[in-house]
Amino acid sequence: MSWRTWVLSIALMLLVVGARAAAPNPLELRWNELAPLISGQVVRLTAPGGATIQGGIAAIREDVLVMDVRKTSDPKAYPKGNANIPRASVSTLEVQRLRWGARRGMAIGNAAGPVGFIVARHNSLSPGASVGVFGAFAGAGMVGGYFIGNALDHGNTQIRVVP
């Protein structure tokens, strides 16, 4: 297998993973089904007046969503701190997934280094050139893994609350 085939294979793999990271996954849930998915998560919602509110979910009660508002586009209507958002005002939520994808992506991408070394040795390159190819593959794998992991890390899940 030539080094070009290896490079194209890795590039194709990165593109496929990146495309999966960008794929939307909208959910439709009832009010009583929200708690397991949004409790303790960072959520963004748009209130009926057009204000955008972002913060952590403290509790989900029968008639209100208790939210720790961290960012708001209308500080008068929704000041920072605890806020009770009426159930009727919540129609669409955006849950932000926060994981350690960037670090994992870098670690997985670093595995491209040995692949580069194998490619270099298979093509009978000198030891110095083999180290250079190893470094190039490892560096490119880490950078690509970081960006793909970061995209996966900050993916948002849209939830539409249905009656």
C-alpha atoms as a PDB file:
ATOM      1  CA  MET A   1       0.000   0.000   0.000  1.00  0.00           C
ATOM      2  CA  SER A   2       1.546   3.316  -1.031  1.00  0.00           C
ATOM      3  CA  TRP A   3       1.831   6.330   1.249  1.00  0.00           C
ATOM      4  CA  ARG A   4      -0.704   8.173  -0.920  1.00  0.00           C
ATOM      5  CA  THR A   5      -3.273   5.479  -0.221  1.00  0.00           C
ATOM      6  CA  TRP A   6      -2.625   5.816   3.523  1.00  0.00           C
ATOM      7  CA  VAL A   7      -2.969   9.600   3.397  1.00  0.00           C
ATOM      8  CA  LEU A   8      -6.185   9.384   1.379  1.00  0.00           C
ATOM      9  CA  SER A   9      -7.575   6.756   3.771  1.00  0.00           C
ATOM     10  CA  ILE A  10      -6.869   8.920   6.812  1.00  0.00           C
ATOM     11  CA  ALA A  11      -8.321  12.010   5.109  1.00  0.00           C
ATOM     12  CA  LEU A  12     -11.467  10.095   4.172  1.00  0.00           C
ATOM     13  CA  MET A  13     -11.824   8.807   7.734  1.00  0.00           C
ATOM     14  CA  LEU A  14     -11.503  12.355   9.113  1.00  0.00           C
ATOM     15  CA  LEU A  15     -14.126  13.615   6.664  1.00  0.00           C
ATOM     16  CA  VAL A  16     -16.591  10.864   7.601  1.00  0.00           C
ATOM     17  CA  VAL A  17     -16.155  11.503  11.325  1.00  0.00           C
ATOM     18  CA  GLY A  18     -16.492  15.246  10.755  1.00  0.00           C
ATOM     19  CA  ALA A  19     -19.688  14.770   8.763  1.00  0.00           C
ATOM     20  CA  ARG A  20     -21.157  12.626  11.540  1.00  0.00           C
ATOM     21  CA  ALA A  21     -20.291  15.344  14.047  1.00  0.00           C
ATOM     22  CA  ALA A  22     -22.229  17.920  12.022  1.00  0.00           C
ATOM     23  CA  ALA A  23     -25.347  15.780  11.595  1.00  0.00           C
ATOM     24  CA  PRO A  24     -28.319  17.221  13.506  1.00  0.00           C
ATOM     25  CA  ASN A  25     -30.319  15.018  15.831  1.00  0.00           C
ATOM     26  CA  PRO A  26     -33.607  16.756  16.725  1.00  0.00           C
ATOM     27  CA  LEU A  27     -35.747  15.185  19.423  1.00  0.00           C
ATOM     28  CA  GLU A  28     -39.404  15.607  20.264  1.00  0.00           C
ATOM     29  CA  LEU A  29     -40.174  15.038  23.930  1.00  0.00           C
ATOM     30  CA  ARG A  30     -43.022  15.600  26.347  1.00  0.00           C
ATOM     31  CA  TRP A  31     -42.487  17.795  29.403  1.00  0.00           C
ATOM     32  CA  ASN A  32     -42.309  14.798  31.744  1.00  0.00           C
ATOM     33  CA  GLU A  33     -39.559  13.215  29.560  1.00  0.00           C
ATOM     34  CA  LEU A  34     -37.176  16.199  29.746  1.00  0.00           C
ATOM     35  CA  ALA A  35     -35.641  15.619  33.182  1.00  0.00           C
ATOM     36  CA  PRO A  36     -33.200  12.797  32.332  1.00  0.00           C
ATOM     37  CA  LEU A  37     -31.817  14.648  29.308  1.00  0.00           C
ATOM     38  CA  ILE A  38     -31.491  18.216  30.548  1.00  0.00           C
ATOM     39  CA  SER A  39     -31.032  18.067  34.333  1.00  0.00           C
ATOM     40  CA  GLY A  40     -27.599  19.422  35.165  1.00  0.00           C
ATOM     41  CA  GLN A  41     -26.887  20.332  31.530  1.00  0.00           C
ATOM     42  CA  VAL A  42     -26.181  23.690  29.906  1.00  0.00           C
ATOM     43  CA  VAL A  43     -29.303  24.677  27.978  1.00  0.00           C
ATOM     44  CA  ARG A  44     -30.199  27.564  25.679  1.00  0.00           C
ATOM     45  CA  LEU A  45     -33.767  28.571  24.956  1.00  0.00           C
ATOM     46  CA  THR A  46     -35.594  31.433  23.327  1.00  0.00           C
ATOM     47  CA  ALA A  47     -38.418  32.962  25.336  1.00  0.00           C
ATOM     48  CA  PRO A  48     -41.651  34.086  23.609  1.00  0.00           C
ATOM     49  CA  GLY A  49     -40.526  37.736  23.717  1.00  0.00           C
ATOM     50  CA  GLY A  50     -37.405  36.820  21.734  1.00  0.00           C
ATOM     51  CA  ALA A  51     -34.945  36.840  24.639  1.00  0.00           C
ATOM     52  CA  THR A  52     -32.260  34.162  24.487  1.00  0.00           C
ATOM     53  CA  ILE A  53     -31.449  32.565  27.825  1.00  0.00           C
ATOM     54  CA  GLN A  54     -28.568  30.212  28.552  1.00  0.00           C
ATOM     55  CA  GLY A  55     -27.666  28.430  31.752  1.00  0.00           C
ATOM     56  CA  GLY A  56     -27.827  25.304  33.830  1.00  0.00           C
ATOM     57  CA  ILE A  57     -31.023  23.477  34.719  1.00  0.00           C
ATOM     58  CA  ALA A  58     -31.585  23.355  38.465  1.00  0.00           C
ATOM     59  CA  ALA A  59     -34.968  21.599  38.466  1.00  0.00           C
ATOM     60  CA  ILE A  60     -37.925  20.696  36.299  1.00  0.00           C
ATOM     61  CA  ARG A  61     -41.230  21.119  38.051  1.00  0.00           C
ATOM     62  CA  GLU A  62     -44.728  20.443  36.821  1.00  0.00           C
ATOM     63  CA  ASP A  63     -45.313  24.039  35.725  1.00  0.00           C
ATOM     64  CA  VAL A  64     -41.861  25.704  35.578  1.00  0.00           C
ATOM     65  CA  LEU A  65     -38.296  25.141  34.511  1.00  0.00           C
ATOM     66  CA  VAL A  66     -35.898  26.355  37.214  1.00  0.00           C
ATOM     67  CA  MET A  67     -32.791  27.664  35.494  1.00  0.00           C
ATOM     68  CA  ASP A  68     -29.518  29.210  36.658  1.00  0.00           C
ATOM     69  CA  VAL A  69     -29.279  31.946  34.018  1.00  0.00           C
ATOM     70  CA  ARG A  70     -25.653  32.602  33.048  1.00  0.00           C
ATOM     71  CA  LYS A  71     -26.185  34.475  29.762  1.00  0.00           C
ATOM     72  CA  THR A  72     -29.185  36.464  28.663  1.00  0.00           C
ATOM     73  CA  SER A  73     -30.011  38.813  25.826  1.00  0.00           C
ATOM     74  CA  ASP A  74     -32.616  40.628  27.990  1.00  0.00           C
ATOM     75  CA  PRO A  75     -31.212  41.200  31.501  1.00  0.00           C
ATOM     76  CA  LYS A  76     -34.326  43.108  32.611  1.00  0.00           C
ATOM     77  CA  ALA A  77     -36.759  40.303  31.822  1.00  0.00           C
ATOM     78  CA  TYR A  78     -34.350  37.450  32.702  1.00  0.00           C
ATOM     79  CA  PRO A  79     -31.551  38.635  35.020  1.00  0.00           C
ATOM     80  CA  LYS A  80     -28.586  36.398  35.802  1.00  0.00           C
ATOM     81  CA  GLY A  81     -29.179  33.962  38.641  1.00  0.00           C
ATOM     82  CA  ASN A  82     -32.093  31.655  39.367  1.00  0.00           C
ATOM     83  CA  ALA A  83     -35.146  32.109  37.165  1.00  0.00           C
ATOM     84  CA  ASN A  84     -38.450  30.302  36.897  1.00  0.00           C
ATOM     85  CA  ILE A  85     -39.333  29.838  33.227  1.00  0.00           C
ATOM     86  CA  PRO A  86     -43.048  29.020  32.810  1.00  0.00           C
ATOM     87  CA  ARG A  87     -43.803  25.751  31.073  1.00  0.00           C
ATOM     88  CA  ALA A  88     -45.828  27.579  28.400  1.00  0.00           C
ATOM     89  CA  SER A  89     -42.714  29.613  27.475  1.00  0.00           C
ATOM     90  CA  VAL A  90     -40.591  26.533  26.741  1.00  0.00           C
ATOM     91  CA  SER A  91     -41.124  25.181  23.245  1.00  0.00           C
ATOM     92  CA  THR A  92     -37.584  24.498  21.975  1.00  0.00           C
ATOM     93  CA  LEU A  93     -34.416  23.810  23.938  1.00  0.00           C
ATOM     94  CA  GLU A  94     -30.847  23.426  22.791  1.00  0.00           C
ATOM     95  CA  VAL A  95     -28.757  21.190  25.047  1.00  0.00           C
ATOM     96  CA  GLN A  96     -25.014  21.676  24.792  1.00  0.00           C
ATOM     97  CA  ARG A  97     -23.003  18.472  25.084  1.00  0.00           C
ATOM     98  CA  LEU A  98     -19.740  19.067  26.858  1.00  0.00           C
ATOM     99  CA  ARG A  99     -17.336  16.121  26.929  1.00  0.00           C
ATOM    100  CA  TRP A 100     -13.628  15.486  26.570  1.00  0.00           C
ATOM    101  CA  GLY A 101     -13.739  14.867  22.812  1.00  0.00           C
ATOM    102  CA  ALA A 102     -10.879  17.190  21.878  1.00  0.00           C
ATOM    103  CA  ARG A 103      -8.411  15.362  24.127  1.00  0.00           C
ATOM    104  CA  ARG A 104      -9.617  11.962  22.978  1.00  0.00           C
ATOM    105  CA  GLY A 105      -9.422  13.093  19.360  1.00  0.00           C
ATOM    106  CA  MET A 106      -5.819  14.203  19.855  1.00  0.00           C
ATOM    107  CA  ALA A 107      -4.919  10.872  21.430  1.00  0.00           C
ATOM    108  CA  ILE A 108      -6.569   8.910  18.632  1.00  0.00           C
ATOM    109  CA  GLY A 109      -5.020  11.207  16.024  1.00  0.00           C
ATOM    110  CA  ASN A 110      -1.612  10.618  17.569  1.00  0.00           C
ATOM    111  CA  ALA A 111      -1.985   6.979  16.515  1.00  0.00           C
ATOM    112  CA  ALA A 112      -1.412   8.227  12.962  1.00  0.00           C
ATOM    113  CA  GLY A 113       2.292   8.640  13.854  1.00  0.00           C
ATOM    114  CA  PRO A 114       3.081   4.907  13.828  1.00  0.00           C
ATOM    115  CA  VAL A 115       1.085   4.607  10.597  1.00  0.00           C
ATOM    116  CA  GLY A 116       3.385   7.231   9.094  1.00  0.00           C
ATOM    117  CA  PHE A 117       6.423   5.330  10.312  1.00  0.00           C
ATOM    118  CA  ILE A 118       5.133   2.092   8.763  1.00  0.00           C
ATOM    119  CA  VAL A 119       4.465   3.896   5.487  1.00  0.00           C
ATOM    120  CA  ALA A 120       7.967   5.389   5.517  1.00  0.00           C
ATOM    121  CA  ARG A 121       9.654   2.078   6.266  1.00  0.00           C
ATOM    122  CA  HIS A 122       7.534   0.280   3.667  1.00  0.00           C
ATOM    123  CA  ASN A 123       8.755   2.743   1.034  1.00  0.00           C
ATOM    124  CA  SER A 124      12.382   2.211   2.151  1.00  0.00           C
ATOM    125  CA  LEU A 125      12.997   5.790   3.228  1.00  0.00           C
ATOM    126  CA  SER A 126      16.122   6.648   5.202  1.00  0.00           C
ATOM    127  CA  PRO A 127      15.890   6.717   9.029  1.00  0.00           C
ATOM    128  CA  GLY A 128      15.895  10.515   9.059  1.00  0.00           C
ATOM    129  CA  ALA A 129      13.105  10.706   6.489  1.00  0.00           C
ATOM    130  CA  SER A 130      11.164   8.038   8.399  1.00  0.00           C
ATOM    131  CA  VAL A 131      11.261  10.175  11.540  1.00  0.00           C
ATOM    132  CA  GLY A 132      10.072  13.174   9.507  1.00  0.00           C
ATOM    133  CA  VAL A 133       7.171  11.221   8.044  1.00  0.00           C
ATOM    134  CA  PHE A 134       6.340   9.893  11.533  1.00  0.00           C
ATOM    135  CA  GLY A 135       6.282  13.457  12.888  1.00  0.00           C
ATOM    136  CA  ALA A 136       4.183  14.741   9.999  1.00  0.00           C
ATOM    137  CA  PHE A 137       1.608  11.962  10.389  1.00  0.00           C
ATOM    138  CA  ALA A 138       1.511  12.335  14.191  1.00  0.00           C
ATOM    139  CA  GLY A 139       1.187  16.118  13.994  1.00  0.00           C
ATOM    140  CA  ALA A 140      -1.483  16.061  11.303  1.00  0.00           C
ATOM    141  CA  GLY A 141      -3.347  13.307  13.161  1.00  0.00           C
ATOM    142  CA  MET A 142      -3.292  15.244  16.420  1.00  0.00           C
ATOM    143  CA  VAL A 143      -4.454  18.494  14.815  1.00  0.00           C
ATOM    144  CA  GLY A 144      -7.180  16.728  12.833  1.00  0.00           C
ATOM    145  CA  GLY A 145      -8.198  14.705  15.900  1.00  0.00           C
ATOM    146  CA  TYR A 146      -8.391  17.864  17.990  1.00  0.00           C
ATOM    147  CA  PHE A 147     -10.719  19.618  15.559  1.00  0.00           C
ATOM    148  CA  ILE A 148     -12.932  16.574  15.039  1.00  0.00           C
ATOM    149  CA  GLY A 149     -13.044  15.891  18.785  1.00  0.00           C
ATOM    150  CA  ASN A 150     -13.820  19.534  19.454  1.00  0.00           C
ATOM    151  CA  ALA A 151     -16.684  19.429  16.942  1.00  0.00           C
ATOM    152  CA  LEU A 152     -18.047  16.305  18.613  1.00  0.00           C
ATOM    153  CA  ASP A 153     -17.471  17.870  22.005  1.00  0.00           C
ATOM    154  CA  HIS A 154     -19.586  20.918  21.390  1.00  0.00           C
ATOM    155  CA  GLY A 155     -22.414  19.350  19.460  1.00  0.00           C
ATOM    156  CA  ASN A 156     -25.839  20.608  20.423  1.00  0.00           C
ATOM    157  CA  THR A 157     -29.018  18.604  20.668  1.00  0.00           C
ATOM    158  CA  GLN A 158     -32.255  20.318  19.675  1.00  0.00           C
ATOM    159  CA  ILE A 159     -35.289  19.316  21.727  1.00  0.00           C
ATOM    160  CA  ARG A 160     -38.819  20.345  20.810  1.00  0.00           C
ATOM    161  CA  VAL A 161     -41.284  20.100  23.662  1.00  0.00           C
ATOM    162  CA  VAL A 162     -44.542  18.565  22.442  1.00  0.00           C
ATOM    163  CA  PRO A 163     -47.859  18.613  24.335  1.00  0.00           C
END
